[in-house]
Amino acid sequence: QERRAWAWVHEAPNRFVLTPTDAELACFD
């Protein structure tokens, strides 16, 4: 899911992802 979300945000400006902080993410800071 995270890799798909990264690609989706990367494709166009003004895109945001809602997620909990306990999700262990490697593609987002």
mmCIF file of all heavy atoms, coordinates in Angstrom:
data_MODEL
# 
_entry.id   MODEL 
# 
loop_
_atom_site.group_PDB 
_atom_site.id 
_atom_site.type_symbol 
_atom_site.label_atom_id 
_atom_site.label_alt_id 
_atom_site.label_comp_id 
_atom_site.label_asym_id 
_atom_site.label_entity_id 
_atom_site.label_seq_id 
_atom_site.pdbx_PDB_ins_code 
_atom_site.Cartn_x 
_atom_site.Cartn_y 
_atom_site.Cartn_z 
_atom_site.occupancy 
_atom_site.B_iso_or_equiv 
_atom_site.pdbx_formal_charge 
_atom_site.auth_seq_id 
_atom_site.auth_comp_id 
_atom_site.auth_asym_id 
_atom_site.auth_atom_id 
_atom_site.pdbx_PDB_model_num 
ATOM 1   N N   . GLN A 1 1  ? 0.830  -1.203 0.000   1.00 0.00 ? 1  GLN A N   1 
ATOM 2   C CA  . GLN A 1 1  ? 0.000  0.000  0.000   1.00 0.00 ? 1  GLN A CA  1 
ATOM 3   C C   . GLN A 1 1  ? 0.869  1.259  0.000   1.00 0.00 ? 1  GLN A C   1 
ATOM 4   O O   . GLN A 1 1  ? 0.592  2.224  -0.712  1.00 0.00 ? 1  GLN A O   1 
ATOM 5   C CB  . GLN A 1 1  ? -0.914 0.013  1.230   1.00 0.00 ? 1  GLN A CB  1 
ATOM 6   C CG  . GLN A 1 1  ? -2.016 -1.023 1.253   1.00 0.00 ? 1  GLN A CG  1 
ATOM 7   C CD  . GLN A 1 1  ? -2.938 -0.832 2.442   1.00 0.00 ? 1  GLN A CD  1 
ATOM 8   O OE1 . GLN A 1 1  ? -3.390 0.277  2.720   1.00 0.00 ? 1  GLN A OE1 1 
ATOM 9   N NE2 . GLN A 1 1  ? -3.215 -1.917 3.167   1.00 0.00 ? 1  GLN A NE2 1 
ATOM 10  N N   . GLU A 1 2  ? 1.929  1.244  0.799   1.00 0.00 ? 2  GLU A N   1 
ATOM 11  C CA  . GLU A 1 2  ? 2.781  2.427  0.914   1.00 0.00 ? 2  GLU A CA  1 
ATOM 12  C C   . GLU A 1 2  ? 3.454  2.758  -0.420  1.00 0.00 ? 2  GLU A C   1 
ATOM 13  O O   . GLU A 1 2  ? 3.530  3.929  -0.812  1.00 0.00 ? 2  GLU A O   1 
ATOM 14  C CB  . GLU A 1 2  ? 3.835  2.212  1.991   1.00 0.00 ? 2  GLU A CB  1 
ATOM 15  C CG  . GLU A 1 2  ? 4.715  3.437  2.191   1.00 0.00 ? 2  GLU A CG  1 
ATOM 16  C CD  . GLU A 1 2  ? 5.917  3.161  3.069   1.00 0.00 ? 2  GLU A CD  1 
ATOM 17  O OE1 . GLU A 1 2  ? 6.169  1.974  3.399   1.00 0.00 ? 2  GLU A OE1 1 
ATOM 18  O OE2 . GLU A 1 2  ? 6.613  4.137  3.416   1.00 0.00 ? 2  GLU A OE2 1 
ATOM 19  N N   . ARG A 1 3  ? 3.933  1.762  -1.113  1.00 0.00 ? 3  ARG A N   1 
ATOM 20  C CA  . ARG A 1 3  ? 4.595  2.009  -2.396  1.00 0.00 ? 3  ARG A CA  1 
ATOM 21  C C   . ARG A 1 3  ? 3.613  2.601  -3.406  1.00 0.00 ? 3  ARG A C   1 
ATOM 22  O O   . ARG A 1 3  ? 3.966  3.506  -4.168  1.00 0.00 ? 3  ARG A O   1 
ATOM 23  C CB  . ARG A 1 3  ? 5.193  0.704  -2.920  1.00 0.00 ? 3  ARG A CB  1 
ATOM 24  C CG  . ARG A 1 3  ? 6.335  0.164  -2.077  1.00 0.00 ? 3  ARG A CG  1 
ATOM 25  C CD  . ARG A 1 3  ? 6.702  -1.252 -2.471  1.00 0.00 ? 3  ARG A CD  1 
ATOM 26  N NE  . ARG A 1 3  ? 7.745  -1.792 -1.592  1.00 0.00 ? 3  ARG A NE  1 
ATOM 27  C CZ  . ARG A 1 3  ? 8.145  -3.050 -1.635  1.00 0.00 ? 3  ARG A CZ  1 
ATOM 28  N NH1 . ARG A 1 3  ? 7.587  -3.907 -2.494  1.00 0.00 ? 3  ARG A NH1 1 
ATOM 29  N NH2 . ARG A 1 3  ? 9.099  -3.468 -0.800  1.00 0.00 ? 3  ARG A NH2 1 
ATOM 30  N N   . ARG A 1 4  ? 2.405  2.101  -3.394  1.00 0.00 ? 4  ARG A N   1 
ATOM 31  C CA  . ARG A 1 4  ? 1.390  2.651  -4.300  1.00 0.00 ? 4  ARG A CA  1 
ATOM 32  C C   . ARG A 1 4  ? 1.056  4.091  -3.913  1.00 0.00 ? 4  ARG A C   1 
ATOM 33  O O   . ARG A 1 4  ? 0.861  4.949  -4.783  1.00 0.00 ? 4  ARG A O   1 
ATOM 34  C CB  . ARG A 1 4  ? 0.132  1.781  -4.254  1.00 0.00 ? 4  ARG A CB  1 
ATOM 35  C CG  . ARG A 1 4  ? 0.328  0.357  -4.761  1.00 0.00 ? 4  ARG A CG  1 
ATOM 36  C CD  . ARG A 1 4  ? -0.842 -0.545 -4.376  1.00 0.00 ? 4  ARG A CD  1 
ATOM 37  N NE  . ARG A 1 4  ? -0.597 -1.932 -4.739  1.00 0.00 ? 4  ARG A NE  1 
ATOM 38  C CZ  . ARG A 1 4  ? -1.323 -2.952 -4.301  1.00 0.00 ? 4  ARG A CZ  1 
ATOM 39  N NH1 . ARG A 1 4  ? -2.335 -2.733 -3.464  1.00 0.00 ? 4  ARG A NH1 1 
ATOM 40  N NH2 . ARG A 1 4  ? -1.039 -4.189 -4.666  1.00 0.00 ? 4  ARG A NH2 1 
ATOM 41  N N   . ALA A 1 5  ? 0.949  4.354  -2.595  1.00 0.00 ? 5  ALA A N   1 
ATOM 42  C CA  . ALA A 1 5  ? 0.653  5.712  -2.131  1.00 0.00 ? 5  ALA A CA  1 
ATOM 43  C C   . ALA A 1 5  ? 1.776  6.673  -2.510  1.00 0.00 ? 5  ALA A C   1 
ATOM 44  O O   . ALA A 1 5  ? 1.514  7.823  -2.912  1.00 0.00 ? 5  ALA A O   1 
ATOM 45  C CB  . ALA A 1 5  ? 0.440  5.703  -0.615  1.00 0.00 ? 5  ALA A CB  1 
ATOM 46  N N   . TRP A 1 6  ? 3.025  6.242  -2.389  1.00 0.00 ? 6  TRP A N   1 
ATOM 47  C CA  . TRP A 1 6  ? 4.166  7.092  -2.756  1.00 0.00 ? 6  TRP A CA  1 
ATOM 48  C C   . TRP A 1 6  ? 4.081  7.468  -4.233  1.00 0.00 ? 6  TRP A C   1 
ATOM 49  O O   . TRP A 1 6  ? 4.268  8.635  -4.601  1.00 0.00 ? 6  TRP A O   1 
ATOM 50  C CB  . TRP A 1 6  ? 5.466  6.366  -2.460  1.00 0.00 ? 6  TRP A CB  1 
ATOM 51  C CG  . TRP A 1 6  ? 6.703  7.192  -2.690  1.00 0.00 ? 6  TRP A CG  1 
ATOM 52  C CD1 . TRP A 1 6  ? 7.359  7.945  -1.777  1.00 0.00 ? 6  TRP A CD1 1 
ATOM 53  C CD2 . TRP A 1 6  ? 7.424  7.328  -3.923  1.00 0.00 ? 6  TRP A CD2 1 
ATOM 54  N NE1 . TRP A 1 6  ? 8.450  8.566  -2.346  1.00 0.00 ? 6  TRP A NE1 1 
ATOM 55  C CE2 . TRP A 1 6  ? 8.511  8.198  -3.676  1.00 0.00 ? 6  TRP A CE2 1 
ATOM 56  C CE3 . TRP A 1 6  ? 7.257  6.812  -5.208  1.00 0.00 ? 6  TRP A CE3 1 
ATOM 57  C CZ2 . TRP A 1 6  ? 9.424  8.557  -4.660  1.00 0.00 ? 6  TRP A CZ2 1 
ATOM 58  C CZ3 . TRP A 1 6  ? 8.167  7.171  -6.197  1.00 0.00 ? 6  TRP A CZ3 1 
ATOM 59  C CH2 . TRP A 1 6  ? 9.233  8.032  -5.919  1.00 0.00 ? 6  TRP A CH2 1 
ATOM 60  N N   . ALA A 1 7  ? 3.817  6.460  -5.074  1.00 0.00 ? 7  ALA A N   1 
ATOM 61  C CA  . ALA A 1 7  ? 3.722  6.732  -6.510  1.00 0.00 ? 7  ALA A CA  1 
ATOM 62  C C   . ALA A 1 7  ? 2.556  7.676  -6.810  1.00 0.00 ? 7  ALA A C   1 
ATOM 63  O O   . ALA A 1 7  ? 2.671  8.582  -7.663  1.00 0.00 ? 7  ALA A O   1 
ATOM 64  C CB  . ALA A 1 7  ? 3.555  5.418  -7.279  1.00 0.00 ? 7  ALA A CB  1 
ATOM 65  N N   . TRP A 1 8  ? 1.450  7.511  -6.119  1.00 0.00 ? 8  TRP A N   1 
ATOM 66  C CA  . TRP A 1 8  ? 0.272  8.365  -6.351  1.00 0.00 ? 8  TRP A CA  1 
ATOM 67  C C   . TRP A 1 8  ? 0.558  9.807  -5.953  1.00 0.00 ? 8  TRP A C   1 
ATOM 68  O O   . TRP A 1 8  ? 0.240  10.735 -6.705  1.00 0.00 ? 8  TRP A O   1 
ATOM 69  C CB  . TRP A 1 8  ? -0.903 7.798  -5.531  1.00 0.00 ? 8  TRP A CB  1 
ATOM 70  C CG  . TRP A 1 8  ? -2.162 8.600  -5.606  1.00 0.00 ? 8  TRP A CG  1 
ATOM 71  C CD1 . TRP A 1 8  ? -3.051 8.643  -6.646  1.00 0.00 ? 8  TRP A CD1 1 
ATOM 72  C CD2 . TRP A 1 8  ? -2.682 9.462  -4.585  1.00 0.00 ? 8  TRP A CD2 1 
ATOM 73  N NE1 . TRP A 1 8  ? -4.099 9.473  -6.350  1.00 0.00 ? 8  TRP A NE1 1 
ATOM 74  C CE2 . TRP A 1 8  ? -3.901 9.998  -5.078  1.00 0.00 ? 8  TRP A CE2 1 
ATOM 75  C CE3 . TRP A 1 8  ? -2.255 9.828  -3.317  1.00 0.00 ? 8  TRP A CE3 1 
ATOM 76  C CZ2 . TRP A 1 8  ? -4.688 10.879 -4.343  1.00 0.00 ? 8  TRP A CZ2 1 
ATOM 77  C CZ3 . TRP A 1 8  ? -3.024 10.695 -2.576  1.00 0.00 ? 8  TRP A CZ3 1 
ATOM 78  C CH2 . TRP A 1 8  ? -4.218 11.219 -3.087  1.00 0.00 ? 8  TRP A CH2 1 
ATOM 79  N N   . VAL A 1 9  ? 1.160  10.022 -4.796  1.00 0.00 ? 9  VAL A N   1 
ATOM 80  C CA  . VAL A 1 9  ? 1.489  11.388 -4.371  1.00 0.00 ? 9  VAL A CA  1 
ATOM 81  C C   . VAL A 1 9  ? 2.525  11.998 -5.306  1.00 0.00 ? 9  VAL A C   1 
ATOM 82  O O   . VAL A 1 9  ? 2.470  13.197 -5.634  1.00 0.00 ? 9  VAL A O   1 
ATOM 83  C CB  . VAL A 1 9  ? 2.008  11.385 -2.916  1.00 0.00 ? 9  VAL A CB  1 
ATOM 84  C CG1 . VAL A 1 9  ? 2.495  12.776 -2.513  1.00 0.00 ? 9  VAL A CG1 1 
ATOM 85  C CG2 . VAL A 1 9  ? 0.925  10.913 -1.956  1.00 0.00 ? 9  VAL A CG2 1 
ATOM 86  N N   . HIS A 1 10 ? 3.463  11.189 -5.782  1.00 0.00 ? 10 HIS A N   1 
ATOM 87  C CA  . HIS A 1 10 ? 4.555  11.670 -6.630  1.00 0.00 ? 10 HIS A CA  1 
ATOM 88  C C   . HIS A 1 10 ? 4.064  12.101 -8.005  1.00 0.00 ? 10 HIS A C   1 
ATOM 89  O O   . HIS A 1 10 ? 4.710  12.928 -8.679  1.00 0.00 ? 10 HIS A O   1 
ATOM 90  C CB  . HIS A 1 10 ? 5.622  10.580 -6.764  1.00 0.00 ? 10 HIS A CB  1 
ATOM 91  C CG  . HIS A 1 10 ? 6.935  11.052 -7.289  1.00 0.00 ? 10 HIS A CG  1 
ATOM 92  N ND1 . HIS A 1 10 ? 7.265  11.013 -8.631  1.00 0.00 ? 10 HIS A ND1 1 
ATOM 93  C CD2 . HIS A 1 10 ? 7.998  11.603 -6.650  1.00 0.00 ? 10 HIS A CD2 1 
ATOM 94  C CE1 . HIS A 1 10 ? 8.476  11.502 -8.797  1.00 0.00 ? 10 HIS A CE1 1 
ATOM 95  N NE2 . HIS A 1 10 ? 8.961  11.862 -7.614  1.00 0.00 ? 10 HIS A NE2 1 
ATOM 96  N N   . GLU A 1 11 ? 2.929  11.558 -8.437  1.00 0.00 ? 11 GLU A N   1 
ATOM 97  C CA  . GLU A 1 11 ? 2.450  11.799 -9.799  1.00 0.00 ? 11 GLU A CA  1 
ATOM 98  C C   . GLU A 1 11 ? 1.913  13.204 -10.004 1.00 0.00 ? 11 GLU A C   1 
ATOM 99  O O   . GLU A 1 11 ? 1.927  13.727 -11.124 1.00 0.00 ? 11 GLU A O   1 
ATOM 100 C CB  . GLU A 1 11 ? 1.346  10.788 -10.156 1.00 0.00 ? 11 GLU A CB  1 
ATOM 101 C CG  . GLU A 1 11 ? 1.853  9.387  -10.401 1.00 0.00 ? 11 GLU A CG  1 
ATOM 102 C CD  . GLU A 1 11 ? 0.712  8.396  -10.557 1.00 0.00 ? 11 GLU A CD  1 
ATOM 103 O OE1 . GLU A 1 11 ? -0.472 8.844  -10.492 1.00 0.00 ? 11 GLU A OE1 1 
ATOM 104 O OE2 . GLU A 1 11 ? 0.968  7.198  -10.721 1.00 0.00 ? 11 GLU A OE2 1 
ATOM 105 N N   . ALA A 1 12 ? 1.370  13.841 -8.972  1.00 0.00 ? 12 ALA A N   1 
ATOM 106 C CA  . ALA A 1 12 ? 0.702  15.131 -9.154  1.00 0.00 ? 12 ALA A CA  1 
ATOM 107 C C   . ALA A 1 12 ? 0.823  15.954 -7.888  1.00 0.00 ? 12 ALA A C   1 
ATOM 108 O O   . ALA A 1 12 ? 0.935  15.402 -6.782  1.00 0.00 ? 12 ALA A O   1 
ATOM 109 C CB  . ALA A 1 12 ? -0.779 14.917 -9.509  1.00 0.00 ? 12 ALA A CB  1 
ATOM 110 N N   . PRO A 1 13 ? 0.825  17.264 -8.011  1.00 0.00 ? 13 PRO A N   1 
ATOM 111 C CA  . PRO A 1 13 ? 0.884  18.110 -6.819  1.00 0.00 ? 13 PRO A CA  1 
ATOM 112 C C   . PRO A 1 13 ? -0.444 18.105 -6.064  1.00 0.00 ? 13 PRO A C   1 
ATOM 113 O O   . PRO A 1 13 ? -1.468 17.648 -6.566  1.00 0.00 ? 13 PRO A O   1 
ATOM 114 C CB  . PRO A 1 13 ? 1.180  19.499 -7.401  1.00 0.00 ? 13 PRO A CB  1 
ATOM 115 C CG  . PRO A 1 13 ? 0.582  19.453 -8.772  1.00 0.00 ? 13 PRO A CG  1 
ATOM 116 C CD  . PRO A 1 13 ? 0.778  18.035 -9.259  1.00 0.00 ? 13 PRO A CD  1 
ATOM 117 N N   . ASN A 1 14 ? -0.405 18.616 -4.865  1.00 0.00 ? 14 ASN A N   1 
ATOM 118 C CA  . ASN A 1 14 ? -1.616 18.824 -4.066  1.00 0.00 ? 14 ASN A CA  1 
ATOM 119 C C   . ASN A 1 14 ? -2.308 17.503 -3.693  1.00 0.00 ? 14 ASN A C   1 
ATOM 120 O O   . ASN A 1 14 ? -3.538 17.429 -3.628  1.00 0.00 ? 14 ASN A O   1 
ATOM 121 C CB  . ASN A 1 14 ? -2.600 19.738 -4.806  1.00 0.00 ? 14 ASN A CB  1 
ATOM 122 C CG  . ASN A 1 14 ? -3.217 20.758 -3.861  1.00 0.00 ? 14 ASN A CG  1 
ATOM 123 O OD1 . ASN A 1 14 ? -2.751 20.960 -2.745  1.00 0.00 ? 14 ASN A OD1 1 
ATOM 124 N ND2 . ASN A 1 14 ? -4.277 21.410 -4.321  1.00 0.00 ? 14 ASN A ND2 1 
ATOM 125 N N   . ARG A 1 15 ? -1.488 16.477 -3.472  1.00 0.00 ? 15 ARG A N   1 
ATOM 126 C CA  . ARG A 1 15 ? -2.024 15.197 -3.023  1.00 0.00 ? 15 ARG A CA  1 
ATOM 127 C C   . ARG A 1 15 ? -1.496 14.898 -1.625  1.00 0.00 ? 15 ARG A C   1 
ATOM 128 O O   . ARG A 1 15 ? -0.312 15.119 -1.335  1.00 0.00 ? 15 ARG A O   1 
ATOM 129 C CB  . ARG A 1 15 ? -1.645 14.069 -3.982  1.00 0.00 ? 15 ARG A CB  1 
ATOM 130 C CG  . ARG A 1 15 ? -2.446 14.091 -5.274  1.00 0.00 ? 15 ARG A CG  1 
ATOM 131 C CD  . ARG A 1 15 ? -2.089 12.924 -6.182  1.00 0.00 ? 15 ARG A CD  1 
ATOM 132 N NE  . ARG A 1 15 ? -3.013 12.841 -7.314  1.00 0.00 ? 15 ARG A NE  1 
ATOM 133 C CZ  . ARG A 1 15 ? -2.912 11.957 -8.308  1.00 0.00 ? 15 ARG A CZ  1 
ATOM 134 N NH1 . ARG A 1 15 ? -1.917 11.073 -8.304  1.00 0.00 ? 15 ARG A NH1 1 
ATOM 135 N NH2 . ARG A 1 15 ? -3.799 11.950 -9.286  1.00 0.00 ? 15 ARG A NH2 1 
ATOM 136 N N   . PHE A 1 16 ? -2.371 14.368 -0.775  1.00 0.00 ? 16 PHE A N   1 
ATOM 137 C CA  . PHE A 1 16 ? -2.019 14.094 0.612   1.00 0.00 ? 16 PHE A CA  1 
ATOM 138 C C   . PHE A 1 16 ? -2.501 12.696 0.982   1.00 0.00 ? 16 PHE A C   1 
ATOM 139 O O   . PHE A 1 16 ? -3.501 12.194 0.436   1.00 0.00 ? 16 PHE A O   1 
ATOM 140 C CB  . PHE A 1 16 ? -2.641 15.125 1.554   1.00 0.00 ? 16 PHE A CB  1 
ATOM 141 C CG  . PHE A 1 16 ? -2.131 16.520 1.362   1.00 0.00 ? 16 PHE A CG  1 
ATOM 142 C CD1 . PHE A 1 16 ? -2.630 17.340 0.346   1.00 0.00 ? 16 PHE A CD1 1 
ATOM 143 C CD2 . PHE A 1 16 ? -1.141 17.032 2.185   1.00 0.00 ? 16 PHE A CD2 1 
ATOM 144 C CE1 . PHE A 1 16 ? -2.164 18.623 0.167   1.00 0.00 ? 16 PHE A CE1 1 
ATOM 145 C CE2 . PHE A 1 16 ? -0.664 18.318 2.014   1.00 0.00 ? 16 PHE A CE2 1 
ATOM 146 C CZ  . PHE A 1 16 ? -1.178 19.117 0.996   1.00 0.00 ? 16 PHE A CZ  1 
ATOM 147 N N   . VAL A 1 17 ? -1.801 12.121 1.943   1.00 0.00 ? 17 VAL A N   1 
ATOM 148 C CA  . VAL A 1 17 ? -2.159 10.793 2.444   1.00 0.00 ? 17 VAL A CA  1 
ATOM 149 C C   . VAL A 1 17 ? -2.446 10.901 3.939   1.00 0.00 ? 17 VAL A C   1 
ATOM 150 O O   . VAL A 1 17 ? -1.652 11.478 4.694   1.00 0.00 ? 17 VAL A O   1 
ATOM 151 C CB  . VAL A 1 17 ? -1.033 9.774  2.188   1.00 0.00 ? 17 VAL A CB  1 
ATOM 152 C CG1 . VAL A 1 17 ? -1.332 8.463  2.911   1.00 0.00 ? 17 VAL A CG1 1 
ATOM 153 C CG2 . VAL A 1 17 ? -0.867 9.526  0.702   1.00 0.00 ? 17 VAL A CG2 1 
ATOM 154 N N   . LEU A 1 18 ? -3.600 10.343 4.366   1.00 0.00 ? 18 LEU A N   1 
ATOM 155 C CA  . LEU A 1 18 ? -3.970 10.274 5.785   1.00 0.00 ? 18 LEU A CA  1 
ATOM 156 C C   . LEU A 1 18 ? -3.562 8.911  6.321   1.00 0.00 ? 18 LEU A C   1 
ATOM 157 O O   . LEU A 1 18 ? -3.942 7.867  5.759   1.00 0.00 ? 18 LEU A O   1 
ATOM 158 C CB  . LEU A 1 18 ? -5.474 10.481 5.946   1.00 0.00 ? 18 LEU A CB  1 
ATOM 159 C CG  . LEU A 1 18 ? -6.040 10.358 7.364   1.00 0.00 ? 18 LEU A CG  1 
ATOM 160 C CD1 . LEU A 1 18 ? -5.498 11.471 8.261   1.00 0.00 ? 18 LEU A CD1 1 
ATOM 161 C CD2 . LEU A 1 18 ? -7.568 10.391 7.340   1.00 0.00 ? 18 LEU A CD2 1 
ATOM 162 N N   . THR A 1 19 ? -2.789 8.906  7.420   1.00 0.00 ? 19 THR A N   1 
ATOM 163 C CA  . THR A 1 19 ? -2.292 7.635  7.962   1.00 0.00 ? 19 THR A CA  1 
ATOM 164 C C   . THR A 1 19 ? -2.014 7.797  9.451   1.00 0.00 ? 19 THR A C   1 
ATOM 165 O O   . THR A 1 19 ? -1.780 8.914  9.935   1.00 0.00 ? 19 THR A O   1 
ATOM 166 C CB  . THR A 1 19 ? -1.013 7.199  7.229   1.00 0.00 ? 19 THR A CB  1 
ATOM 167 O OG1 . THR A 1 19 ? -0.641 5.883  7.637   1.00 0.00 ? 19 THR A OG1 1 
ATOM 168 C CG2 . THR A 1 19 ? 0.138  8.145  7.502   1.00 0.00 ? 19 THR A CG2 1 
ATOM 169 N N   . PRO A 1 20 ? -2.014 6.706  10.228  1.00 0.00 ? 20 PRO A N   1 
ATOM 170 C CA  . PRO A 1 20 ? -1.627 6.792  11.640  1.00 0.00 ? 20 PRO A CA  1 
ATOM 171 C C   . PRO A 1 20 ? -0.108 6.797  11.779  1.00 0.00 ? 20 PRO A C   1 
ATOM 172 O O   . PRO A 1 20 ? 0.611  6.246  10.932  1.00 0.00 ? 20 PRO A O   1 
ATOM 173 C CB  . PRO A 1 20 ? -2.241 5.538  12.251  1.00 0.00 ? 20 PRO A CB  1 
ATOM 174 C CG  . PRO A 1 20 ? -2.281 4.555  11.130  1.00 0.00 ? 20 PRO A CG  1 
ATOM 175 C CD  . PRO A 1 20 ? -2.531 5.360  9.884   1.00 0.00 ? 20 PRO A CD  1 
ATOM 176 N N   . THR A 1 21 ? 0.373  7.370  12.849  1.00 0.00 ? 21 THR A N   1 
ATOM 177 C CA  . THR A 1 21 ? 1.823  7.444  13.045  1.00 0.00 ? 21 THR A CA  1 
ATOM 178 C C   . THR A 1 21 ? 2.429  6.101  13.416  1.00 0.00 ? 21 THR A C   1 
ATOM 179 O O   . THR A 1 21 ? 3.649  5.932  13.330  1.00 0.00 ? 21 THR A O   1 
ATOM 180 C CB  . THR A 1 21 ? 2.165  8.463  14.143  1.00 0.00 ? 21 THR A CB  1 
ATOM 181 O OG1 . THR A 1 21 ? 1.454  8.125  15.347  1.00 0.00 ? 21 THR A OG1 1 
ATOM 182 C CG2 . THR A 1 21 ? 1.780  9.872  13.713  1.00 0.00 ? 21 THR A CG2 1 
ATOM 183 N N   . ASP A 1 22 ? 1.625  5.135  13.858  1.00 0.00 ? 22 ASP A N   1 
ATOM 184 C CA  . ASP A 1 22 ? 2.197  3.836  14.201  1.00 0.00 ? 22 ASP A CA  1 
ATOM 185 C C   . ASP A 1 22 ? 2.425  2.956  12.986  1.00 0.00 ? 22 ASP A C   1 
ATOM 186 O O   . ASP A 1 22 ? 2.911  1.826  13.105  1.00 0.00 ? 22 ASP A O   1 
ATOM 187 C CB  . ASP A 1 22 ? 1.334  3.105  15.231  1.00 0.00 ? 22 ASP A CB  1 
ATOM 188 C CG  . ASP A 1 22 ? -0.099 2.899  14.752  1.00 0.00 ? 22 ASP A CG  1 
ATOM 189 O OD1 . ASP A 1 22 ? -0.413 3.247  13.601  1.00 0.00 ? 22 ASP A OD1 1 
ATOM 190 O OD2 . ASP A 1 22 ? -0.915 2.402  15.550  1.00 0.00 ? 22 ASP A OD2 1 
ATOM 191 N N   . ALA A 1 23 ? 2.063  3.450  11.804  1.00 0.00 ? 23 ALA A N   1 
ATOM 192 C CA  . ALA A 1 23 ? 2.387  2.725  10.579  1.00 0.00 ? 23 ALA A CA  1 
ATOM 193 C C   . ALA A 1 23 ? 3.887  2.853  10.307  1.00 0.00 ? 23 ALA A C   1 
ATOM 194 O O   . ALA A 1 23 ? 4.426  3.958  10.274  1.00 0.00 ? 23 ALA A O   1 
ATOM 195 C CB  . ALA A 1 23 ? 1.585  3.281  9.409   1.00 0.00 ? 23 ALA A CB  1 
ATOM 196 N N   . GLU A 1 24 ? 4.548  1.745  10.143  1.00 0.00 ? 24 GLU A N   1 
ATOM 197 C CA  . GLU A 1 24 ? 5.986  1.757  9.902   1.00 0.00 ? 24 GLU A CA  1 
ATOM 198 C C   . GLU A 1 24 ? 6.239  1.991  8.415   1.00 0.00 ? 24 GLU A C   1 
ATOM 199 O O   . GLU A 1 24 ? 6.129  1.084  7.592   1.00 0.00 ? 24 GLU A O   1 
ATOM 200 C CB  . GLU A 1 24 ? 6.604  0.444  10.373  1.00 0.00 ? 24 GLU A CB  1 
ATOM 201 C CG  . GLU A 1 24 ? 6.452  0.207  11.882  1.00 0.00 ? 24 GLU A CG  1 
ATOM 202 C CD  . GLU A 1 24 ? 7.126  -1.067 12.343  1.00 0.00 ? 24 GLU A CD  1 
ATOM 203 O OE1 . GLU A 1 24 ? 7.749  -1.750 11.490  1.00 0.00 ? 24 GLU A OE1 1 
ATOM 204 O OE2 . GLU A 1 24 ? 7.031  -1.385 13.530  1.00 0.00 ? 24 GLU A OE2 1 
ATOM 205 N N   . LEU A 1 25 ? 6.559  3.222  8.083   1.00 0.00 ? 25 LEU A N   1 
ATOM 206 C CA  . LEU A 1 25 ? 6.686  3.644  6.686   1.00 0.00 ? 25 LEU A CA  1 
ATOM 207 C C   . LEU A 1 25 ? 8.149  3.834  6.308   1.00 0.00 ? 25 LEU A C   1 
ATOM 208 O O   . LEU A 1 25 ? 8.936  4.377  7.082   1.00 0.00 ? 25 LEU A O   1 
ATOM 209 C CB  . LEU A 1 25 ? 5.913  4.944  6.459   1.00 0.00 ? 25 LEU A CB  1 
ATOM 210 C CG  . LEU A 1 25 ? 4.419  4.916  6.830   1.00 0.00 ? 25 LEU A CG  1 
ATOM 211 C CD1 . LEU A 1 25 ? 3.786  6.273  6.546   1.00 0.00 ? 25 LEU A CD1 1 
ATOM 212 C CD2 . LEU A 1 25 ? 3.692  3.808  6.093   1.00 0.00 ? 25 LEU A CD2 1 
ATOM 213 N N   . ALA A 1 26 ? 8.479  3.407  5.103   1.00 0.00 ? 26 ALA A N   1 
ATOM 214 C CA  . ALA A 1 26 ? 9.837  3.562  4.585   1.00 0.00 ? 26 ALA A CA  1 
ATOM 215 C C   . ALA A 1 26 ? 9.914  4.583  3.467   1.00 0.00 ? 26 ALA A C   1 
ATOM 216 O O   . ALA A 1 26 ? 11.003 5.079  3.162   1.00 0.00 ? 26 ALA A O   1 
ATOM 217 C CB  . ALA A 1 26 ? 10.357 2.209  4.092   1.00 0.00 ? 26 ALA A CB  1 
ATOM 218 N N   . CYS A 1 27 ? 8.784  4.906  2.848   1.00 0.00 ? 27 CYS A N   1 
ATOM 219 C CA  . CYS A 1 27 ? 8.778  5.788  1.685   1.00 0.00 ? 27 CYS A CA  1 
ATOM 220 C C   . CYS A 1 27 ? 8.332  7.210  2.020   1.00 0.00 ? 27 CYS A C   1 
ATOM 221 O O   . CYS A 1 27 ? 8.230  8.052  1.128   1.00 0.00 ? 27 CYS A O   1 
ATOM 222 C CB  . CYS A 1 27 ? 7.887  5.215  0.589   1.00 0.00 ? 27 CYS A CB  1 
ATOM 223 S SG  . CYS A 1 27 ? 8.455  3.622  -0.038  1.00 0.00 ? 27 CYS A SG  1 
ATOM 224 N N   . PHE A 1 28 ? 8.014  7.468  3.277   1.00 0.00 ? 28 PHE A N   1 
ATOM 225 C CA  . PHE A 1 28 ? 7.590  8.800  3.707   1.00 0.00 ? 28 PHE A CA  1 
ATOM 226 C C   . PHE A 1 28 ? 8.380  9.207  4.946   1.00 0.00 ? 28 PHE A C   1 
ATOM 227 O O   . PHE A 1 28 ? 8.734  8.357  5.780   1.00 0.00 ? 28 PHE A O   1 
ATOM 228 C CB  . PHE A 1 28 ? 6.096  8.834  4.025   1.00 0.00 ? 28 PHE A CB  1 
ATOM 229 C CG  . PHE A 1 28 ? 5.198  8.659  2.832   1.00 0.00 ? 28 PHE A CG  1 
ATOM 230 C CD1 . PHE A 1 28 ? 4.829  7.390  2.405   1.00 0.00 ? 28 PHE A CD1 1 
ATOM 231 C CD2 . PHE A 1 28 ? 4.719  9.762  2.149   1.00 0.00 ? 28 PHE A CD2 1 
ATOM 232 C CE1 . PHE A 1 28 ? 3.994  7.227  1.318   1.00 0.00 ? 28 PHE A CE1 1 
ATOM 233 C CE2 . PHE A 1 28 ? 3.882  9.611  1.055   1.00 0.00 ? 28 PHE A CE2 1 
ATOM 234 C CZ  . PHE A 1 28 ? 3.514  8.339  0.631   1.00 0.00 ? 28 PHE A CZ  1 
ATOM 235 N N   . ASP A 1 29 ? 8.630  10.493 5.068   1.00 0.00 ? 29 ASP A N   1 
ATOM 236 C CA  . ASP A 1 29 ? 9.275  11.051 6.251   1.00 0.00 ? 29 ASP A CA  1 
ATOM 237 C C   . ASP A 1 29 ? 8.182  11.583 7.180   1.00 0.00 ? 29 ASP A C   1 
ATOM 238 O O   . ASP A 1 29 ? 7.630  12.665 6.973   1.00 0.00 ? 29 ASP A O   1 
ATOM 239 C CB  . ASP A 1 29 ? 10.230 12.167 5.847   1.00 0.00 ? 29 ASP A CB  1 
ATOM 240 C CG  . ASP A 1 29 ? 10.984 12.744 7.043   1.00 0.00 ? 29 ASP A CG  1 
ATOM 241 O OD1 . ASP A 1 29 ? 10.737 12.272 8.178   1.00 0.00 ? 29 ASP A OD1 1 
ATOM 242 O OD2 . ASP A 1 29 ? 11.788 13.671 6.846   1.00 0.00 ? 29 ASP A OD2 1 
# 
